Amino acid sequence: MLADRIANALKSHSPRTISGVGYKPAAVLIPIQEKKDGDYLVLTQRADHLNHHSGQIAFPGGRVDDSDADEMDAALRESHEEIGIHPRDVRVLGRLDQIDAAYGYRVTPFVGVIPAQYDFRLNPAETAAVCSVPIAALLEPANFVVNDYLSPRGQPSYHFYVNGWDVWGVTARILVQFLELVYDFKVKRP
């Protein structure tokens, strides 16, 4: 069963935590669906009119608000606000390493399983599109590129090309870690 495989992989991993002052906490949910024809994960396209990361492909999530109990609560709240995934429909299996992102954010990614069929409800104020992407497509070598360009933080630039989308930046870095842990994905790093 997919959920058991993911949970076991996450239990064997000690997630890295970023410490230090000045980071603004944020969190995302990596929604996973187990369908008859394979495993899928849910990605969104951010609305074009947003001030930060407009039009980019991302996992549902965002800034941790004062009303959130913790990062996981924020990831679940944001997923509900952005694409209508109700927190009661998510079985959270664990988390990945925290990642530093643009604009001083520290992003905590959580992995959760949602029902195979889901009636997503897009909030047009935040989200332009949502897509369940086959994980098999992400694992295809032709759909993944490591650019020679290094970010200002000295990290390689990863790109996944799926659904006509270029998935890059923090989302691609999170994807690489998830695929390495659960699907034995290998990246030839520069």
N, C-alpha and C. Protein backbone atom coordinates (compact mmCIF):
# COMPACT_ATOMS: atom_id res chain seq x y z
N MET A 1 0.85 -1.19 0.00
CA MET A 1 0.00 0.00 0.00
C MET A 1 0.88 1.25 0.00
N LEU A 2 0.50 2.22 -0.81
CA LEU A 2 1.28 3.43 -0.99
C LEU A 2 1.53 4.17 0.33
N ALA A 3 0.50 4.36 1.12
CA ALA A 3 0.64 5.12 2.36
C ALA A 3 1.67 4.47 3.29
N ASP A 4 1.65 3.14 3.37
CA ASP A 4 2.61 2.45 4.23
C ASP A 4 4.03 2.63 3.72
N ARG A 5 4.23 2.54 2.39
CA ARG A 5 5.56 2.71 1.81
C ARG A 5 6.09 4.11 2.09
N ILE A 6 5.25 5.12 1.92
CA ILE A 6 5.67 6.50 2.17
C ILE A 6 5.96 6.70 3.66
N ALA A 7 5.06 6.22 4.52
CA ALA A 7 5.26 6.38 5.97
C ALA A 7 6.56 5.72 6.41
N ASN A 8 6.86 4.53 5.90
CA ASN A 8 8.10 3.85 6.27
C ASN A 8 9.33 4.63 5.80
N ALA A 9 9.27 5.16 4.59
CA ALA A 9 10.40 5.94 4.08
C ALA A 9 10.61 7.20 4.92
N LEU A 10 9.53 7.84 5.31
CA LEU A 10 9.64 9.07 6.11
C LEU A 10 10.13 8.76 7.53
N LYS A 11 9.73 7.60 8.08
CA LYS A 11 10.19 7.23 9.43
C LYS A 11 11.69 6.97 9.45
N SER A 12 12.24 6.51 8.34
CA SER A 12 13.67 6.21 8.29
C SER A 12 14.51 7.47 8.04
N HIS A 13 13.86 8.60 7.86
CA HIS A 13 14.53 9.87 7.56
C HIS A 13 14.36 10.83 8.72
N SER A 14 15.45 11.46 9.14
CA SER A 14 15.38 12.51 10.17
C SER A 14 15.35 13.85 9.45
N PRO A 15 14.17 14.50 9.41
CA PRO A 15 14.08 15.75 8.65
C PRO A 15 14.98 16.85 9.20
N ARG A 16 15.65 17.52 8.29
CA ARG A 16 16.53 18.63 8.64
C ARG A 16 15.67 19.85 9.00
N THR A 17 16.08 20.52 10.06
CA THR A 17 15.40 21.73 10.50
C THR A 17 16.36 22.91 10.33
N ILE A 18 15.85 23.99 9.81
CA ILE A 18 16.66 25.20 9.64
C ILE A 18 16.44 26.07 10.87
N SER A 19 17.54 26.42 11.51
CA SER A 19 17.43 27.29 12.68
C SER A 19 17.98 28.67 12.34
N GLY A 20 17.74 29.59 13.19
CA GLY A 20 18.23 30.94 12.97
C GLY A 20 17.10 31.94 13.00
N VAL A 21 17.47 33.17 13.16
CA VAL A 21 16.48 34.23 13.23
C VAL A 21 16.25 34.82 11.84
N GLY A 22 15.13 35.48 11.71
CA GLY A 22 14.85 36.18 10.47
C GLY A 22 14.04 35.41 9.45
N TYR A 23 13.87 34.11 9.67
CA TYR A 23 13.05 33.33 8.74
C TYR A 23 11.57 33.50 9.06
N LYS A 24 10.78 33.60 8.02
CA LYS A 24 9.32 33.61 8.17
C LYS A 24 8.85 32.18 7.92
N PRO A 25 8.10 31.59 8.86
CA PRO A 25 7.68 30.20 8.68
C PRO A 25 6.57 30.05 7.65
N ALA A 26 6.71 29.02 6.82
CA ALA A 26 5.71 28.67 5.82
C ALA A 26 5.66 27.15 5.76
N ALA A 27 4.60 26.62 5.17
CA ALA A 27 4.45 25.17 5.07
C ALA A 27 3.65 24.82 3.83
N VAL A 28 3.94 23.64 3.28
CA VAL A 28 3.21 23.14 2.12
C VAL A 28 2.79 21.70 2.39
N LEU A 29 1.76 21.29 1.65
CA LEU A 29 1.30 19.91 1.69
C LEU A 29 1.64 19.27 0.35
N ILE A 30 2.20 18.08 0.40
CA ILE A 30 2.41 17.28 -0.81
C ILE A 30 1.28 16.26 -0.83
N PRO A 31 0.18 16.58 -1.51
CA PRO A 31 -0.97 15.66 -1.53
C PRO A 31 -0.71 14.51 -2.51
N ILE A 32 -0.82 13.29 -2.01
CA ILE A 32 -0.57 12.10 -2.80
C ILE A 32 -1.88 11.33 -2.98
N GLN A 33 -2.08 10.83 -4.19
CA GLN A 33 -3.26 10.02 -4.50
C GLN A 33 -2.81 8.67 -5.05
N GLU A 34 -3.40 7.60 -4.55
CA GLU A 34 -3.14 6.26 -5.08
C GLU A 34 -4.33 5.89 -5.96
N LYS A 35 -4.08 5.81 -7.27
CA LYS A 35 -5.14 5.49 -8.22
C LYS A 35 -4.86 4.12 -8.82
N LYS A 36 -5.84 3.59 -9.53
CA LYS A 36 -5.70 2.26 -10.13
C LYS A 36 -4.52 2.20 -11.09
N ASP A 37 -4.24 3.30 -11.79
CA ASP A 37 -3.16 3.29 -12.77
C ASP A 37 -1.84 3.85 -12.24
N GLY A 38 -1.73 4.04 -10.92
CA GLY A 38 -0.46 4.48 -10.35
C GLY A 38 -0.62 5.55 -9.29
N ASP A 39 0.53 6.03 -8.84
CA ASP A 39 0.58 7.05 -7.80
C ASP A 39 0.63 8.44 -8.45
N TYR A 40 -0.04 9.39 -7.83
CA TYR A 40 -0.11 10.76 -8.33
C TYR A 40 0.19 11.73 -7.19
N LEU A 41 0.66 12.92 -7.56
CA LEU A 41 0.73 13.99 -6.58
C LEU A 41 0.08 15.22 -7.17
N VAL A 42 -0.38 16.08 -6.29
CA VAL A 42 -1.16 17.24 -6.71
C VAL A 42 -0.27 18.48 -6.71
N LEU A 43 -0.30 19.18 -7.83
CA LEU A 43 0.40 20.45 -7.97
C LEU A 43 -0.60 21.53 -8.35
N THR A 44 -0.27 22.76 -8.02
CA THR A 44 -1.12 23.89 -8.37
C THR A 44 -0.33 24.89 -9.19
N GLN A 45 -1.06 25.71 -9.92
CA GLN A 45 -0.45 26.87 -10.57
C GLN A 45 -0.96 28.10 -9.85
N ARG A 46 -0.04 28.88 -9.34
CA ARG A 46 -0.42 30.07 -8.59
C ARG A 46 -1.03 31.11 -9.52
N ALA A 47 -1.96 31.88 -9.00
CA ALA A 47 -2.65 32.90 -9.80
C ALA A 47 -1.65 33.92 -10.34
N ASP A 48 -1.93 34.44 -11.53
CA ASP A 48 -1.02 35.37 -12.20
C ASP A 48 -0.94 36.74 -11.52
N HIS A 49 -1.93 37.11 -10.75
CA HIS A 49 -1.94 38.45 -10.16
C HIS A 49 -1.29 38.52 -8.77
N LEU A 50 -0.77 37.41 -8.26
CA LEU A 50 -0.15 37.42 -6.93
C LEU A 50 1.16 38.19 -6.93
N ASN A 51 1.49 38.79 -5.79
CA ASN A 51 2.71 39.59 -5.67
C ASN A 51 3.98 38.73 -5.72
N HIS A 52 3.94 37.53 -5.14
CA HIS A 52 5.11 36.66 -5.08
C HIS A 52 4.82 35.35 -5.80
N HIS A 53 5.75 34.92 -6.62
CA HIS A 53 5.68 33.62 -7.30
C HIS A 53 4.44 33.47 -8.19
N SER A 54 3.96 34.55 -8.77
CA SER A 54 2.78 34.48 -9.61
C SER A 54 3.01 33.54 -10.80
N GLY A 55 2.02 32.73 -11.10
CA GLY A 55 2.06 31.81 -12.22
C GLY A 55 2.92 30.58 -12.02
N GLN A 56 3.65 30.52 -10.93
CA GLN A 56 4.55 29.38 -10.71
C GLN A 56 3.77 28.13 -10.29
N ILE A 57 4.41 26.99 -10.51
CA ILE A 57 3.84 25.71 -10.12
C ILE A 57 4.32 25.41 -8.70
N ALA A 58 3.40 24.98 -7.85
CA ALA A 58 3.72 24.82 -6.43
C ALA A 58 2.83 23.75 -5.80
N PHE A 59 3.22 23.37 -4.61
CA PHE A 59 2.33 22.59 -3.76
C PHE A 59 1.41 23.57 -3.04
N PRO A 60 0.22 23.14 -2.66
CA PRO A 60 -0.62 24.04 -1.87
C PRO A 60 0.05 24.34 -0.53
N GLY A 61 -0.02 25.58 -0.12
CA GLY A 61 0.59 25.97 1.15
C GLY A 61 0.86 27.45 1.19
N GLY A 62 1.50 27.87 2.26
CA GLY A 62 1.80 29.29 2.41
C GLY A 62 2.32 29.61 3.79
N ARG A 63 2.22 30.87 4.09
CA ARG A 63 2.74 31.43 5.34
C ARG A 63 1.99 30.86 6.56
N VAL A 64 2.73 30.67 7.65
CA VAL A 64 2.12 30.27 8.91
C VAL A 64 1.54 31.52 9.56
N ASP A 65 0.24 31.48 9.85
CA ASP A 65 -0.45 32.60 10.49
C ASP A 65 -0.46 32.43 12.00
N ASP A 66 -0.72 33.53 12.69
CA ASP A 66 -0.82 33.47 14.16
C ASP A 66 -1.91 32.52 14.62
N SER A 67 -2.95 32.35 13.80
CA SER A 67 -4.06 31.47 14.19
C SER A 67 -3.73 29.98 14.01
N ASP A 68 -2.62 29.66 13.33
CA ASP A 68 -2.24 28.27 13.12
C ASP A 68 -1.55 27.71 14.35
N ALA A 69 -1.87 26.48 14.71
CA ALA A 69 -1.24 25.82 15.86
C ALA A 69 0.24 25.55 15.59
N ASP A 70 0.56 25.21 14.33
CA ASP A 70 1.94 24.89 13.95
C ASP A 70 2.03 24.86 12.42
N GLU A 71 3.17 24.44 11.91
CA GLU A 71 3.37 24.41 10.47
C GLU A 71 2.40 23.44 9.77
N MET A 72 2.16 22.28 10.38
CA MET A 72 1.25 21.33 9.76
C MET A 72 -0.16 21.91 9.65
N ASP A 73 -0.59 22.59 10.69
CA ASP A 73 -1.90 23.23 10.68
C ASP A 73 -1.97 24.26 9.54
N ALA A 74 -0.88 24.98 9.33
CA ALA A 74 -0.85 25.98 8.25
C ALA A 74 -0.93 25.30 6.88
N ALA A 75 -0.19 24.20 6.69
CA ALA A 75 -0.23 23.49 5.40
C ALA A 75 -1.63 22.99 5.10
N LEU A 76 -2.30 22.45 6.11
CA LEU A 76 -3.66 21.94 5.92
C LEU A 76 -4.65 23.08 5.66
N ARG A 77 -4.51 24.17 6.41
CA ARG A 77 -5.40 25.33 6.22
C ARG A 77 -5.24 25.91 4.82
N GLU A 78 -3.99 26.12 4.41
CA GLU A 78 -3.73 26.69 3.09
C GLU A 78 -4.23 25.78 1.97
N SER A 79 -4.06 24.47 2.12
CA SER A 79 -4.54 23.51 1.11
C SER A 79 -6.05 23.59 0.97
N HIS A 80 -6.72 23.78 2.09
CA HIS A 80 -8.18 23.92 2.06
C HIS A 80 -8.57 25.24 1.40
N GLU A 81 -7.88 26.33 1.75
CA GLU A 81 -8.20 27.64 1.18
C GLU A 81 -7.92 27.70 -0.31
N GLU A 82 -6.81 27.10 -0.76
CA GLU A 82 -6.38 27.24 -2.15
C GLU A 82 -7.10 26.31 -3.11
N ILE A 83 -7.26 25.03 -2.71
CA ILE A 83 -7.85 24.07 -3.66
C ILE A 83 -8.93 23.18 -3.05
N GLY A 84 -9.38 23.51 -1.85
CA GLY A 84 -10.54 22.84 -1.27
C GLY A 84 -10.29 21.47 -0.65
N ILE A 85 -9.02 21.12 -0.38
CA ILE A 85 -8.77 19.84 0.30
C ILE A 85 -9.10 20.03 1.77
N HIS A 86 -10.11 19.34 2.25
CA HIS A 86 -10.50 19.47 3.66
C HIS A 86 -9.50 18.71 4.53
N PRO A 87 -9.06 19.32 5.65
CA PRO A 87 -8.09 18.65 6.52
C PRO A 87 -8.50 17.23 6.95
N ARG A 88 -9.80 16.99 7.11
CA ARG A 88 -10.24 15.65 7.53
C ARG A 88 -10.00 14.60 6.44
N ASP A 89 -9.77 15.05 5.20
CA ASP A 89 -9.53 14.14 4.08
C ASP A 89 -8.05 13.85 3.86
N VAL A 90 -7.19 14.36 4.72
CA VAL A 90 -5.74 14.19 4.58
C VAL A 90 -5.22 13.28 5.69
N ARG A 91 -4.51 12.24 5.30
CA ARG A 91 -3.79 11.41 6.26
C ARG A 91 -2.32 11.84 6.17
N VAL A 92 -1.88 12.67 7.13
CA VAL A 92 -0.51 13.17 7.12
C VAL A 92 0.42 12.03 7.53
N LEU A 93 1.44 11.79 6.71
CA LEU A 93 2.35 10.67 6.93
C LEU A 93 3.68 11.10 7.52
N GLY A 94 4.01 12.37 7.41
CA GLY A 94 5.28 12.86 7.94
C GLY A 94 5.72 14.10 7.21
N ARG A 95 6.98 14.46 7.45
CA ARG A 95 7.49 15.68 6.82
C ARG A 95 8.87 15.45 6.24
N LEU A 96 9.25 16.38 5.36
CA LEU A 96 10.56 16.37 4.74
C LEU A 96 11.42 17.46 5.37
N ASP A 97 12.63 17.64 4.84
CA ASP A 97 13.53 18.69 5.32
C ASP A 97 12.92 20.07 5.11
N GLN A 98 13.18 20.95 6.06
CA GLN A 98 12.82 22.35 5.84
C GLN A 98 13.74 22.92 4.77
N ILE A 99 13.21 23.84 3.98
CA ILE A 99 13.95 24.44 2.88
C ILE A 99 13.84 25.95 2.99
N ASP A 100 14.98 26.63 2.77
CA ASP A 100 14.91 28.09 2.75
C ASP A 100 14.51 28.52 1.34
N ALA A 101 13.63 29.50 1.31
CA ALA A 101 13.05 29.96 0.04
C ALA A 101 13.23 31.47 -0.08
N ALA A 102 12.88 31.97 -1.24
CA ALA A 102 12.97 33.40 -1.51
C ALA A 102 12.15 34.19 -0.49
N TYR A 103 12.50 35.44 -0.36
CA TYR A 103 11.81 36.38 0.52
C TYR A 103 11.93 36.00 1.99
N GLY A 104 12.94 35.21 2.35
CA GLY A 104 13.21 34.89 3.74
C GLY A 104 12.31 33.85 4.37
N TYR A 105 11.67 33.01 3.57
CA TYR A 105 10.79 31.99 4.11
C TYR A 105 11.54 30.70 4.41
N ARG A 106 11.11 30.02 5.46
CA ARG A 106 11.55 28.67 5.82
C ARG A 106 10.34 27.77 5.62
N VAL A 107 10.40 26.91 4.61
CA VAL A 107 9.25 26.10 4.21
C VAL A 107 9.37 24.69 4.80
N THR A 108 8.31 24.26 5.47
CA THR A 108 8.24 22.90 6.00
C THR A 108 7.26 22.11 5.15
N PRO A 109 7.73 21.08 4.41
CA PRO A 109 6.84 20.26 3.58
C PRO A 109 6.30 19.05 4.34
N PHE A 110 5.00 18.84 4.24
CA PHE A 110 4.34 17.69 4.84
C PHE A 110 3.78 16.82 3.72
N VAL A 111 3.88 15.51 3.91
CA VAL A 111 3.38 14.55 2.93
C VAL A 111 2.10 13.96 3.47
N GLY A 112 1.05 13.97 2.65
CA GLY A 112 -0.23 13.42 3.07
C GLY A 112 -0.94 12.72 1.94
N VAL A 113 -1.70 11.70 2.27
CA VAL A 113 -2.48 10.97 1.28
C VAL A 113 -3.91 11.50 1.31
N ILE A 114 -4.46 11.74 0.13
CA ILE A 114 -5.85 12.16 0.00
C ILE A 114 -6.58 11.12 -0.85
N PRO A 115 -7.91 11.15 -0.87
CA PRO A 115 -8.64 10.17 -1.68
C PRO A 115 -8.23 10.21 -3.16
N ALA A 116 -8.31 9.05 -3.80
CA ALA A 116 -7.92 8.92 -5.21
C ALA A 116 -8.72 9.84 -6.12
N GLN A 117 -9.98 9.99 -5.84
CA GLN A 117 -10.83 10.93 -6.59
C GLN A 117 -11.17 12.07 -5.65
N TYR A 118 -10.94 13.30 -6.10
CA TYR A 118 -11.21 14.44 -5.24
C TYR A 118 -11.79 15.57 -6.06
N ASP A 119 -12.79 16.23 -5.51
CA ASP A 119 -13.43 17.36 -6.16
C ASP A 119 -12.74 18.65 -5.68
N PHE A 120 -11.64 19.00 -6.35
CA PHE A 120 -10.91 20.20 -5.96
C PHE A 120 -11.75 21.44 -6.24
N ARG A 121 -11.67 22.42 -5.35
CA ARG A 121 -12.35 23.70 -5.51
C ARG A 121 -11.29 24.80 -5.49
N LEU A 122 -11.02 25.35 -6.64
CA LEU A 122 -9.98 26.38 -6.75
C LEU A 122 -10.45 27.72 -6.22
N ASN A 123 -9.59 28.37 -5.47
CA ASN A 123 -9.82 29.73 -5.04
C ASN A 123 -9.11 30.62 -6.06
N PRO A 124 -9.85 31.29 -6.96
CA PRO A 124 -9.21 32.07 -8.03
C PRO A 124 -8.36 33.23 -7.51
N ALA A 125 -8.55 33.62 -6.27
CA ALA A 125 -7.71 34.68 -5.70
C ALA A 125 -6.28 34.18 -5.49
N GLU A 126 -6.11 32.84 -5.41
CA GLU A 126 -4.78 32.29 -5.14
C GLU A 126 -4.30 31.28 -6.17
N THR A 127 -5.23 30.59 -6.83
CA THR A 127 -4.86 29.45 -7.65
C THR A 127 -5.50 29.53 -9.03
N ALA A 128 -4.66 29.35 -10.07
CA ALA A 128 -5.16 29.38 -11.45
C ALA A 128 -5.53 27.99 -11.94
N ALA A 129 -4.82 26.95 -11.46
CA ALA A 129 -5.07 25.58 -11.94
C ALA A 129 -4.57 24.58 -10.91
N VAL A 130 -5.11 23.36 -11.02
CA VAL A 130 -4.66 22.25 -10.18
C VAL A 130 -4.59 21.01 -11.07
N CYS A 131 -3.62 20.15 -10.79
CA CYS A 131 -3.46 18.95 -11.60
C CYS A 131 -2.90 17.81 -10.76
N SER A 132 -3.47 16.62 -10.93
CA SER A 132 -2.90 15.40 -10.35
C SER A 132 -1.90 14.86 -11.37
N VAL A 133 -0.63 14.87 -11.01
CA VAL A 133 0.46 14.50 -11.91
C VAL A 133 0.91 13.07 -11.61
N PRO A 134 1.01 12.22 -12.62
CA PRO A 134 1.51 10.86 -12.37
C PRO A 134 2.96 10.90 -11.90
N ILE A 135 3.23 10.25 -10.80
CA ILE A 135 4.61 10.22 -10.30
C ILE A 135 5.51 9.52 -11.31
N ALA A 136 4.97 8.57 -12.05
CA ALA A 136 5.76 7.90 -13.09
C ALA A 136 6.31 8.91 -14.10
N ALA A 137 5.53 9.96 -14.41
CA ALA A 137 6.00 10.98 -15.34
C ALA A 137 7.16 11.78 -14.75
N LEU A 138 7.11 12.02 -13.44
CA LEU A 138 8.20 12.76 -12.78
C LEU A 138 9.49 11.95 -12.78
N LEU A 139 9.36 10.62 -12.76
CA LEU A 139 10.52 9.74 -12.71
C LEU A 139 11.17 9.52 -14.07
N GLU A 140 10.49 9.93 -15.14
CA GLU A 140 11.03 9.77 -16.49
C GLU A 140 12.23 10.69 -16.68
N PRO A 141 13.39 10.15 -17.06
CA PRO A 141 14.58 10.99 -17.25
C PRO A 141 14.36 12.14 -18.23
N ALA A 142 13.54 11.95 -19.25
CA ALA A 142 13.30 13.00 -20.23
C ALA A 142 12.54 14.19 -19.65
N ASN A 143 11.89 14.00 -18.52
CA ASN A 143 11.09 15.06 -17.90
C ASN A 143 11.82 15.80 -16.79
N PHE A 144 13.09 15.49 -16.58
CA PHE A 144 13.84 16.10 -15.48
C PHE A 144 15.16 16.63 -16.00
N VAL A 145 15.49 17.87 -15.60
CA VAL A 145 16.73 18.51 -16.03
C VAL A 145 17.40 19.14 -14.80
N VAL A 146 18.71 18.96 -14.71
CA VAL A 146 19.52 19.69 -13.73
C VAL A 146 20.31 20.71 -14.52
N ASN A 147 20.03 21.98 -14.31
CA ASN A 147 20.76 23.03 -15.02
C ASN A 147 22.10 23.27 -14.36
N ASP A 148 23.06 23.71 -15.14
CA ASP A 148 24.37 24.05 -14.59
C ASP A 148 24.29 25.29 -13.71
N TYR A 149 23.24 26.08 -13.93
CA TYR A 149 23.05 27.30 -13.14
C TYR A 149 22.87 26.93 -11.67
N LEU A 150 23.59 27.63 -10.81
CA LEU A 150 23.40 27.44 -9.37
C LEU A 150 22.69 28.67 -8.81
N SER A 151 21.81 28.45 -7.87
CA SER A 151 21.08 29.55 -7.26
C SER A 151 22.04 30.39 -6.44
N PRO A 152 21.59 31.56 -5.99
CA PRO A 152 22.46 32.39 -5.13
C PRO A 152 22.90 31.65 -3.86
N ARG A 153 22.17 30.61 -3.47
CA ARG A 153 22.54 29.82 -2.30
C ARG A 153 23.47 28.66 -2.67
N GLY A 154 23.88 28.59 -3.93
CA GLY A 154 24.79 27.55 -4.37
C GLY A 154 24.13 26.21 -4.61
N GLN A 155 22.82 26.18 -4.76
CA GLN A 155 22.09 24.94 -4.98
C GLN A 155 21.82 24.76 -6.47
N PRO A 156 21.82 23.51 -6.94
CA PRO A 156 21.54 23.28 -8.37
C PRO A 156 20.10 23.68 -8.70
N SER A 157 19.89 23.98 -9.95
CA SER A 157 18.57 24.35 -10.44
C SER A 157 17.91 23.12 -11.08
N TYR A 158 16.87 22.61 -10.43
CA TYR A 158 16.14 21.45 -10.93
C TYR A 158 14.89 21.90 -11.68
N HIS A 159 14.53 21.14 -12.72
CA HIS A 159 13.31 21.41 -13.48
C HIS A 159 12.65 20.08 -13.83
N PHE A 160 11.37 19.97 -13.50
CA PHE A 160 10.53 18.86 -13.95
C PHE A 160 9.57 19.43 -14.98
N TYR A 161 9.44 18.76 -16.12
CA TYR A 161 8.54 19.21 -17.17
C TYR A 161 7.39 18.21 -17.28
N VAL A 162 6.24 18.58 -16.73
CA VAL A 162 5.06 17.72 -16.73
C VAL A 162 3.81 18.57 -16.94
N ASN A 163 2.81 18.00 -17.59
CA ASN A 163 1.54 18.68 -17.79
C ASN A 163 1.70 20.02 -18.52
N GLY A 164 2.76 20.15 -19.29
CA GLY A 164 3.03 21.42 -19.95
C GLY A 164 3.60 22.46 -19.00
N TRP A 165 3.92 22.07 -17.79
CA TRP A 165 4.42 22.98 -16.76
C TRP A 165 5.91 22.77 -16.54
N ASP A 166 6.60 23.84 -16.17
CA ASP A 166 7.98 23.79 -15.71
C ASP A 166 7.94 23.93 -14.19
N VAL A 167 8.23 22.84 -13.52
CA VAL A 167 8.24 22.83 -12.04
C VAL A 167 9.69 23.05 -11.63
N TRP A 168 9.96 24.16 -10.96
CA TRP A 168 11.33 24.51 -10.60
C TRP A 168 11.36 25.15 -9.22
N GLY A 169 12.51 25.62 -8.80
CA GLY A 169 12.65 26.33 -7.53
C GLY A 169 12.44 25.42 -6.34
N VAL A 170 11.86 25.98 -5.30
CA VAL A 170 11.63 25.24 -4.05
C VAL A 170 10.77 24.01 -4.29
N THR A 171 9.76 24.13 -5.15
CA THR A 171 8.88 22.99 -5.42
C THR A 171 9.68 21.83 -6.01
N ALA A 172 10.57 22.11 -6.94
CA ALA A 172 11.40 21.06 -7.54
C ALA A 172 12.36 20.47 -6.51
N ARG A 173 12.91 21.30 -5.64
CA ARG A 173 13.82 20.78 -4.60
C ARG A 173 13.07 19.85 -3.65
N ILE A 174 11.86 20.22 -3.28
CA ILE A 174 11.04 19.36 -2.43
C ILE A 174 10.72 18.05 -3.16
N LEU A 175 10.36 18.16 -4.43
CA LEU A 175 10.05 16.98 -5.23
C LEU A 175 11.24 16.01 -5.30
N VAL A 176 12.42 16.55 -5.52
CA VAL A 176 13.61 15.70 -5.59
C VAL A 176 13.78 14.92 -4.29
N GLN A 177 13.68 15.60 -3.16
CA GLN A 177 13.85 14.90 -1.89
C GLN A 177 12.77 13.82 -1.70
N PHE A 178 11.52 14.14 -2.00
CA PHE A 178 10.44 13.17 -1.86
C PHE A 178 10.68 11.96 -2.76
N LEU A 179 11.02 12.20 -4.02
CA LEU A 179 11.24 11.10 -4.96
C LEU A 179 12.46 10.26 -4.59
N GLU A 180 13.50 10.89 -4.06
CA GLU A 180 14.67 10.14 -3.61
C GLU A 180 14.32 9.23 -2.44
N LEU A 181 13.56 9.75 -1.49
CA LEU A 181 13.21 8.96 -0.30
C LEU A 181 12.25 7.82 -0.59
N VAL A 182 11.26 8.06 -1.42
CA VAL A 182 10.17 7.09 -1.60
C VAL A 182 10.32 6.24 -2.85
N TYR A 183 10.89 6.81 -3.92
CA TYR A 183 10.91 6.12 -5.21
C TYR A 183 12.32 5.81 -5.72
N ASP A 184 13.31 5.97 -4.87
CA ASP A 184 14.70 5.66 -5.22
C ASP A 184 15.17 6.46 -6.45
N PHE A 185 14.69 7.69 -6.56
CA PHE A 185 15.07 8.60 -7.64
C PHE A 185 16.52 9.00 -7.46
N LYS A 186 17.26 9.07 -8.53
CA LYS A 186 18.67 9.44 -8.49
C LYS A 186 18.91 10.71 -9.30
N VAL A 187 19.58 11.67 -8.69
CA VAL A 187 19.93 12.91 -9.37
C VAL A 187 21.44 12.93 -9.57
N LYS A 188 21.85 13.16 -10.79
CA LYS A 188 23.28 13.37 -11.05
C LYS A 188 23.55 14.84 -10.82
N ARG A 189 24.10 15.12 -9.66
CA ARG A 189 24.35 16.51 -9.29
C ARG A 189 25.61 17.04 -9.95
N PRO A 190 25.61 18.33 -10.34
CA PRO A 190 26.80 18.92 -10.97
C PRO A 190 27.97 18.99 -10.01
